[in-house]
Each structure stands twice: as structure tokens, then as C-alpha cells.
Amino acid sequence: MLITSGADLLLSVDHTPTATIVTVSGELDATAAQDLEDHLDHVDTDRGVMVLDLTGVTFCDSVGLASLLDVNRRGIDLRVVGSRQVARTVTLAGMDSEVPLFGSVSDATGRRTRRLVPSP
């Protein structure tokens, strides 16, 4: 399913037997972060794991980062895949202990088990 937001944000949702994969592209700023949270409220997470693929996110501000924490605090097994830039932003904000970062969707879904460790 492809969802477009009025805030230059594109989301697609795919389901596998073990995970819900939400692919996000565009800018994750204050307006888009609220749209993302609203859409994620309606995503079926019965498969246990939600993978948020942010490799297509070109910009993420503090409100975008806060939206990741909000999703994580809902009790969802959230796993984030991001570019080095997104991983670095999460790490610099001190959120890497709360938001698990992975190098690929395969890593995040457990088909491989390698957690991303961003370089400083």
C-alpha cells in the first residue's frame, strides 16, 4: 500500500509473515512527523515487528526523531533502518539506546543479525 502525505512524505507498507515493513521517503520534519505518526497508528502490527525503513529520508529534524521515540514507546517492536546520516543523527541525539538501528531491512527482520553501529 502506498500512502502520500501533504508534507512531501511517501510511505509504503508491506507485510511479511514476521514483520510489517514501512518504507518512508522524503523529509521527516515537524509536519511530516505528525503525518507519519497518524499513519503508523493505523498500520497492522500483529506480525510482531515493525521495520521503519528510513533509507529514503533526505532530512530529519528533532520532531522527526521524537516521532520515532513515540512509536517505540507504544510497545511496538520497532526496528529502524536508515542511511548513515539518519543513524548518525539518532546517535548524536542519544537515542540509539532506545531506537534500535539496523543496516538493512534483512538485518532488521532477522534474516541476518547485524546491528548498525554508526561511525562518529
N, C-alpha and C. Protein backbone atom coordinates (compact mmCIF):
# COMPACT_ATOMS: atom_id res chain seq x y z
N MET A 1 0.85 -1.17 0.00
CA MET A 1 0.00 0.00 0.00
C MET A 1 0.89 1.23 0.00
N LEU A 2 0.64 2.19 -0.88
CA LEU A 2 1.40 3.44 -0.97
C LEU A 2 0.54 4.56 -0.41
N ILE A 3 1.12 5.33 0.50
CA ILE A 3 0.42 6.44 1.12
C ILE A 3 1.23 7.70 0.85
N THR A 4 0.56 8.77 0.41
CA THR A 4 1.26 10.03 0.23
C THR A 4 0.75 11.00 1.27
N SER A 5 1.63 11.85 1.71
CA SER A 5 1.29 12.85 2.71
C SER A 5 1.37 14.22 2.05
N GLY A 6 0.63 15.16 2.57
CA GLY A 6 0.69 16.51 2.05
C GLY A 6 2.01 17.18 2.40
N ALA A 7 2.85 16.52 3.16
CA ALA A 7 4.09 17.13 3.65
C ALA A 7 5.32 16.55 2.94
N ASP A 8 5.21 16.25 1.65
CA ASP A 8 6.34 15.71 0.89
C ASP A 8 6.90 14.44 1.50
N LEU A 9 6.04 13.58 1.97
CA LEU A 9 6.44 12.32 2.57
C LEU A 9 5.69 11.20 1.88
N LEU A 10 6.43 10.16 1.49
CA LEU A 10 5.82 8.98 0.89
C LEU A 10 6.03 7.81 1.82
N LEU A 11 4.98 7.03 2.01
CA LEU A 11 5.06 5.83 2.83
C LEU A 11 4.52 4.66 2.04
N SER A 12 5.15 3.52 2.18
CA SER A 12 4.57 2.29 1.65
C SER A 12 4.63 1.26 2.77
N VAL A 13 3.62 0.41 2.79
CA VAL A 13 3.51 -0.61 3.83
C VAL A 13 3.46 -1.97 3.17
N ASP A 14 4.35 -2.85 3.61
CA ASP A 14 4.38 -4.23 3.14
C ASP A 14 4.35 -5.15 4.35
N HIS A 15 3.76 -6.32 4.16
CA HIS A 15 3.68 -7.28 5.25
C HIS A 15 4.39 -8.57 4.85
N THR A 16 5.20 -9.08 5.76
CA THR A 16 5.80 -10.39 5.60
C THR A 16 5.22 -11.25 6.71
N PRO A 17 5.49 -12.54 6.72
CA PRO A 17 4.94 -13.37 7.80
C PRO A 17 5.41 -12.96 9.20
N THR A 18 6.57 -12.29 9.30
CA THR A 18 7.11 -11.96 10.61
C THR A 18 7.24 -10.47 10.89
N ALA A 19 6.95 -9.62 9.91
CA ALA A 19 7.16 -8.19 10.12
C ALA A 19 6.24 -7.34 9.25
N THR A 20 6.00 -6.14 9.72
CA THR A 20 5.38 -5.09 8.92
C THR A 20 6.49 -4.12 8.56
N ILE A 21 6.67 -3.88 7.28
CA ILE A 21 7.75 -3.02 6.82
C ILE A 21 7.14 -1.73 6.27
N VAL A 22 7.50 -0.62 6.90
CA VAL A 22 7.03 0.69 6.48
C VAL A 22 8.23 1.43 5.89
N THR A 23 8.14 1.72 4.60
CA THR A 23 9.21 2.43 3.91
C THR A 23 8.82 3.89 3.79
N VAL A 24 9.71 4.76 4.22
CA VAL A 24 9.44 6.20 4.26
C VAL A 24 10.47 6.91 3.40
N SER A 25 10.01 7.85 2.59
CA SER A 25 10.95 8.67 1.82
C SER A 25 10.46 10.10 1.82
N GLY A 26 11.42 11.01 1.72
CA GLY A 26 11.12 12.43 1.74
C GLY A 26 11.71 13.07 2.97
N GLU A 27 11.12 14.19 3.40
CA GLU A 27 11.62 14.92 4.55
C GLU A 27 10.77 14.62 5.77
N LEU A 28 11.44 14.29 6.86
CA LEU A 28 10.76 13.98 8.11
C LEU A 28 10.93 15.17 9.06
N ASP A 29 10.12 16.21 8.79
CA ASP A 29 10.15 17.42 9.61
C ASP A 29 8.90 17.45 10.48
N ALA A 30 8.62 18.56 11.11
CA ALA A 30 7.52 18.65 12.07
C ALA A 30 6.17 18.26 11.46
N THR A 31 5.88 18.76 10.27
CA THR A 31 4.60 18.44 9.63
C THR A 31 4.54 16.98 9.23
N ALA A 32 5.59 16.50 8.61
CA ALA A 32 5.62 15.12 8.14
C ALA A 32 5.64 14.13 9.30
N ALA A 33 6.30 14.50 10.40
CA ALA A 33 6.38 13.61 11.56
C ALA A 33 4.98 13.33 12.10
N GLN A 34 4.15 14.36 12.16
CA GLN A 34 2.78 14.15 12.63
C GLN A 34 2.00 13.25 11.67
N ASP A 35 2.18 13.47 10.37
CA ASP A 35 1.54 12.61 9.38
C ASP A 35 2.02 11.17 9.53
N LEU A 36 3.31 10.98 9.74
CA LEU A 36 3.86 9.63 9.92
C LEU A 36 3.23 8.96 11.13
N GLU A 37 3.18 9.66 12.25
CA GLU A 37 2.57 9.09 13.45
C GLU A 37 1.11 8.72 13.21
N ASP A 38 0.37 9.61 12.54
CA ASP A 38 -1.04 9.34 12.24
C ASP A 38 -1.19 8.08 11.40
N HIS A 39 -0.34 7.92 10.38
CA HIS A 39 -0.42 6.74 9.53
C HIS A 39 0.00 5.49 10.27
N LEU A 40 1.03 5.59 11.10
CA LEU A 40 1.50 4.41 11.84
C LEU A 40 0.48 3.94 12.87
N ASP A 41 -0.38 4.86 13.35
CA ASP A 41 -1.45 4.47 14.26
C ASP A 41 -2.39 3.45 13.63
N HIS A 42 -2.48 3.45 12.29
CA HIS A 42 -3.41 2.58 11.58
C HIS A 42 -2.75 1.39 10.91
N VAL A 43 -1.45 1.23 11.11
CA VAL A 43 -0.74 0.10 10.50
C VAL A 43 -0.90 -1.13 11.38
N ASP A 44 -1.24 -2.23 10.76
CA ASP A 44 -1.38 -3.50 11.46
C ASP A 44 0.00 -3.99 11.92
N THR A 45 0.17 -4.12 13.22
CA THR A 45 1.45 -4.58 13.77
C THR A 45 1.33 -5.95 14.40
N ASP A 46 0.32 -6.71 14.01
CA ASP A 46 0.10 -8.04 14.60
C ASP A 46 1.21 -9.02 14.25
N ARG A 47 2.06 -8.71 13.31
CA ARG A 47 3.14 -9.62 12.93
C ARG A 47 4.31 -9.55 13.92
N GLY A 48 4.23 -8.63 14.89
CA GLY A 48 5.23 -8.59 15.94
C GLY A 48 6.30 -7.54 15.78
N VAL A 49 6.85 -7.39 14.61
CA VAL A 49 7.95 -6.46 14.38
C VAL A 49 7.51 -5.41 13.37
N MET A 50 7.83 -4.14 13.67
CA MET A 50 7.64 -3.10 12.68
C MET A 50 9.01 -2.58 12.29
N VAL A 51 9.31 -2.69 11.01
CA VAL A 51 10.56 -2.18 10.47
C VAL A 51 10.25 -0.86 9.78
N LEU A 52 10.91 0.18 10.24
CA LEU A 52 10.74 1.50 9.65
C LEU A 52 11.98 1.77 8.80
N ASP A 53 11.81 1.66 7.48
CA ASP A 53 12.92 1.83 6.55
C ASP A 53 13.02 3.31 6.17
N LEU A 54 14.03 3.98 6.74
CA LEU A 54 14.21 5.41 6.52
C LEU A 54 15.35 5.71 5.55
N THR A 55 15.75 4.73 4.76
CA THR A 55 16.87 4.95 3.84
C THR A 55 16.54 6.02 2.79
N GLY A 56 15.27 6.28 2.55
CA GLY A 56 14.87 7.29 1.58
C GLY A 56 14.57 8.64 2.20
N VAL A 57 14.82 8.79 3.49
CA VAL A 57 14.58 10.07 4.16
C VAL A 57 15.78 10.98 3.90
N THR A 58 15.49 12.16 3.34
CA THR A 58 16.56 13.09 2.99
C THR A 58 16.83 14.13 4.06
N PHE A 59 15.90 14.29 5.00
CA PHE A 59 16.06 15.26 6.08
C PHE A 59 15.25 14.79 7.26
N CYS A 60 15.82 14.92 8.46
CA CYS A 60 15.10 14.54 9.68
C CYS A 60 15.48 15.53 10.78
N ASP A 61 14.48 16.23 11.32
CA ASP A 61 14.77 17.17 12.39
C ASP A 61 14.41 16.56 13.74
N SER A 62 14.50 17.34 14.80
CA SER A 62 14.27 16.82 16.15
C SER A 62 12.85 16.32 16.35
N VAL A 63 11.88 16.94 15.68
CA VAL A 63 10.49 16.47 15.79
C VAL A 63 10.34 15.11 15.11
N GLY A 64 11.04 14.93 13.99
CA GLY A 64 11.04 13.62 13.33
C GLY A 64 11.63 12.55 14.22
N LEU A 65 12.73 12.88 14.90
CA LEU A 65 13.33 11.93 15.84
C LEU A 65 12.40 11.62 16.99
N ALA A 66 11.72 12.64 17.50
CA ALA A 66 10.78 12.43 18.60
C ALA A 66 9.64 11.50 18.18
N SER A 67 9.24 11.57 16.91
CA SER A 67 8.17 10.68 16.46
C SER A 67 8.61 9.22 16.50
N LEU A 68 9.90 8.97 16.26
CA LEU A 68 10.41 7.59 16.38
C LEU A 68 10.31 7.10 17.81
N LEU A 69 10.63 7.97 18.76
CA LEU A 69 10.52 7.60 20.17
C LEU A 69 9.07 7.32 20.55
N ASP A 70 8.15 8.14 20.04
CA ASP A 70 6.73 7.94 20.35
C ASP A 70 6.25 6.57 19.87
N VAL A 71 6.66 6.20 18.66
CA VAL A 71 6.27 4.88 18.12
C VAL A 71 6.88 3.78 18.98
N ASN A 72 8.13 3.93 19.32
CA ASN A 72 8.83 2.92 20.11
C ASN A 72 8.20 2.76 21.49
N ARG A 73 7.75 3.83 22.08
CA ARG A 73 7.17 3.80 23.42
C ARG A 73 5.76 3.22 23.47
N ARG A 74 5.18 2.97 22.32
CA ARG A 74 3.84 2.36 22.27
C ARG A 74 3.90 0.85 22.53
N GLY A 75 5.09 0.33 22.71
CA GLY A 75 5.22 -1.10 22.95
C GLY A 75 5.39 -1.90 21.68
N ILE A 76 5.58 -1.22 20.57
CA ILE A 76 5.80 -1.89 19.29
C ILE A 76 7.27 -2.28 19.21
N ASP A 77 7.54 -3.47 18.71
CA ASP A 77 8.93 -3.90 18.50
C ASP A 77 9.42 -3.19 17.24
N LEU A 78 9.90 -1.95 17.43
CA LEU A 78 10.31 -1.10 16.32
C LEU A 78 11.78 -1.31 16.01
N ARG A 79 12.08 -1.43 14.73
CA ARG A 79 13.46 -1.54 14.25
C ARG A 79 13.62 -0.55 13.11
N VAL A 80 14.64 0.28 13.20
CA VAL A 80 14.83 1.36 12.24
C VAL A 80 16.01 1.06 11.33
N VAL A 81 15.76 1.19 10.03
CA VAL A 81 16.82 1.08 9.02
C VAL A 81 17.00 2.48 8.46
N GLY A 82 18.23 2.96 8.49
CA GLY A 82 18.44 4.31 8.00
C GLY A 82 19.79 4.45 7.31
N SER A 83 19.91 5.53 6.60
CA SER A 83 21.20 5.85 6.00
C SER A 83 22.18 6.18 7.11
N ARG A 84 23.44 6.30 6.78
CA ARG A 84 24.44 6.70 7.78
C ARG A 84 24.06 8.04 8.40
N GLN A 85 23.49 8.94 7.58
CA GLN A 85 23.10 10.25 8.09
C GLN A 85 22.01 10.12 9.16
N VAL A 86 20.98 9.32 8.90
CA VAL A 86 19.92 9.13 9.88
C VAL A 86 20.48 8.45 11.13
N ALA A 87 21.31 7.42 10.93
CA ALA A 87 21.90 6.72 12.08
C ALA A 87 22.75 7.67 12.91
N ARG A 88 23.50 8.51 12.26
CA ARG A 88 24.35 9.46 12.98
C ARG A 88 23.49 10.45 13.77
N THR A 89 22.41 10.94 13.18
CA THR A 89 21.52 11.88 13.86
C THR A 89 20.90 11.24 15.09
N VAL A 90 20.44 10.00 14.95
CA VAL A 90 19.86 9.27 16.08
C VAL A 90 20.91 9.09 17.18
N THR A 91 22.12 8.74 16.80
CA THR A 91 23.19 8.52 17.76
C THR A 91 23.59 9.82 18.46
N LEU A 92 23.76 10.89 17.69
CA LEU A 92 24.13 12.18 18.28
C LEU A 92 23.07 12.70 19.24
N ALA A 93 21.82 12.36 18.98
CA ALA A 93 20.73 12.78 19.85
C ALA A 93 20.63 11.88 21.09
N GLY A 94 21.47 10.85 21.15
CA GLY A 94 21.46 9.95 22.30
C GLY A 94 20.29 8.98 22.31
N MET A 95 19.68 8.76 21.14
CA MET A 95 18.50 7.91 21.06
C MET A 95 18.82 6.48 20.65
N ASP A 96 20.08 6.18 20.35
CA ASP A 96 20.42 4.86 19.84
C ASP A 96 20.21 3.76 20.86
N SER A 97 20.11 4.10 22.13
CA SER A 97 19.82 3.06 23.14
C SER A 97 18.33 2.75 23.18
N GLU A 98 17.49 3.65 22.69
CA GLU A 98 16.04 3.44 22.71
C GLU A 98 15.48 3.01 21.35
N VAL A 99 16.14 3.41 20.30
CA VAL A 99 15.67 3.10 18.94
C VAL A 99 16.71 2.20 18.28
N PRO A 100 16.41 0.91 18.13
CA PRO A 100 17.39 0.00 17.52
C PRO A 100 17.60 0.31 16.04
N LEU A 101 18.86 0.50 15.66
CA LEU A 101 19.23 0.82 14.28
C LEU A 101 19.83 -0.41 13.61
N PHE A 102 19.44 -0.63 12.36
CA PHE A 102 19.93 -1.77 11.59
C PHE A 102 20.43 -1.27 10.24
N GLY A 103 21.35 -2.01 9.65
CA GLY A 103 21.95 -1.63 8.38
C GLY A 103 21.11 -1.94 7.17
N SER A 104 20.15 -2.85 7.29
CA SER A 104 19.30 -3.21 6.15
C SER A 104 17.98 -3.78 6.67
N VAL A 105 17.00 -3.86 5.78
CA VAL A 105 15.72 -4.46 6.14
C VAL A 105 15.92 -5.94 6.49
N SER A 106 16.81 -6.61 5.76
CA SER A 106 17.10 -8.02 6.08
C SER A 106 17.64 -8.18 7.49
N ASP A 107 18.55 -7.29 7.88
CA ASP A 107 19.07 -7.33 9.25
C ASP A 107 17.95 -7.10 10.26
N ALA A 108 17.10 -6.14 9.98
CA ALA A 108 16.04 -5.76 10.92
C ALA A 108 14.97 -6.83 11.06
N THR A 109 14.72 -7.57 10.01
CA THR A 109 13.68 -8.61 10.08
C THR A 109 14.21 -9.92 10.63
N GLY A 110 15.52 -9.95 10.89
CA GLY A 110 16.09 -11.14 11.50
C GLY A 110 16.62 -12.15 10.52
N ARG A 111 16.53 -11.84 9.24
CA ARG A 111 17.10 -12.78 8.26
C ARG A 111 18.62 -12.78 8.35
N ARG A 112 19.14 -11.66 8.85
CA ARG A 112 20.55 -11.56 9.24
C ARG A 112 20.55 -10.79 10.54
N THR A 113 21.53 -10.95 11.34
CA THR A 113 21.50 -10.29 12.65
C THR A 113 22.74 -9.42 12.82
N ARG A 114 22.71 -8.27 12.21
CA ARG A 114 23.80 -7.33 12.34
C ARG A 114 23.22 -5.96 12.64
N ARG A 115 23.49 -5.46 13.81
CA ARG A 115 23.02 -4.15 14.19
C ARG A 115 23.98 -3.09 13.66
N LEU A 116 23.44 -1.98 13.20
CA LEU A 116 24.25 -0.91 12.64
C LEU A 116 24.92 -0.14 13.76
N VAL A 117 26.21 0.04 13.64
CA VAL A 117 26.96 0.88 14.57
C VAL A 117 27.52 2.04 13.74
N PRO A 118 26.90 3.22 13.86
CA PRO A 118 27.36 4.35 13.05
C PRO A 118 28.75 4.81 13.45
N SER A 119 29.48 5.28 12.47
CA SER A 119 30.80 5.84 12.78
C SER A 119 30.61 7.27 13.27
N PRO A 120 31.40 7.70 14.24
CA PRO A 120 31.24 9.06 14.81
C PRO A 120 31.56 10.16 13.83
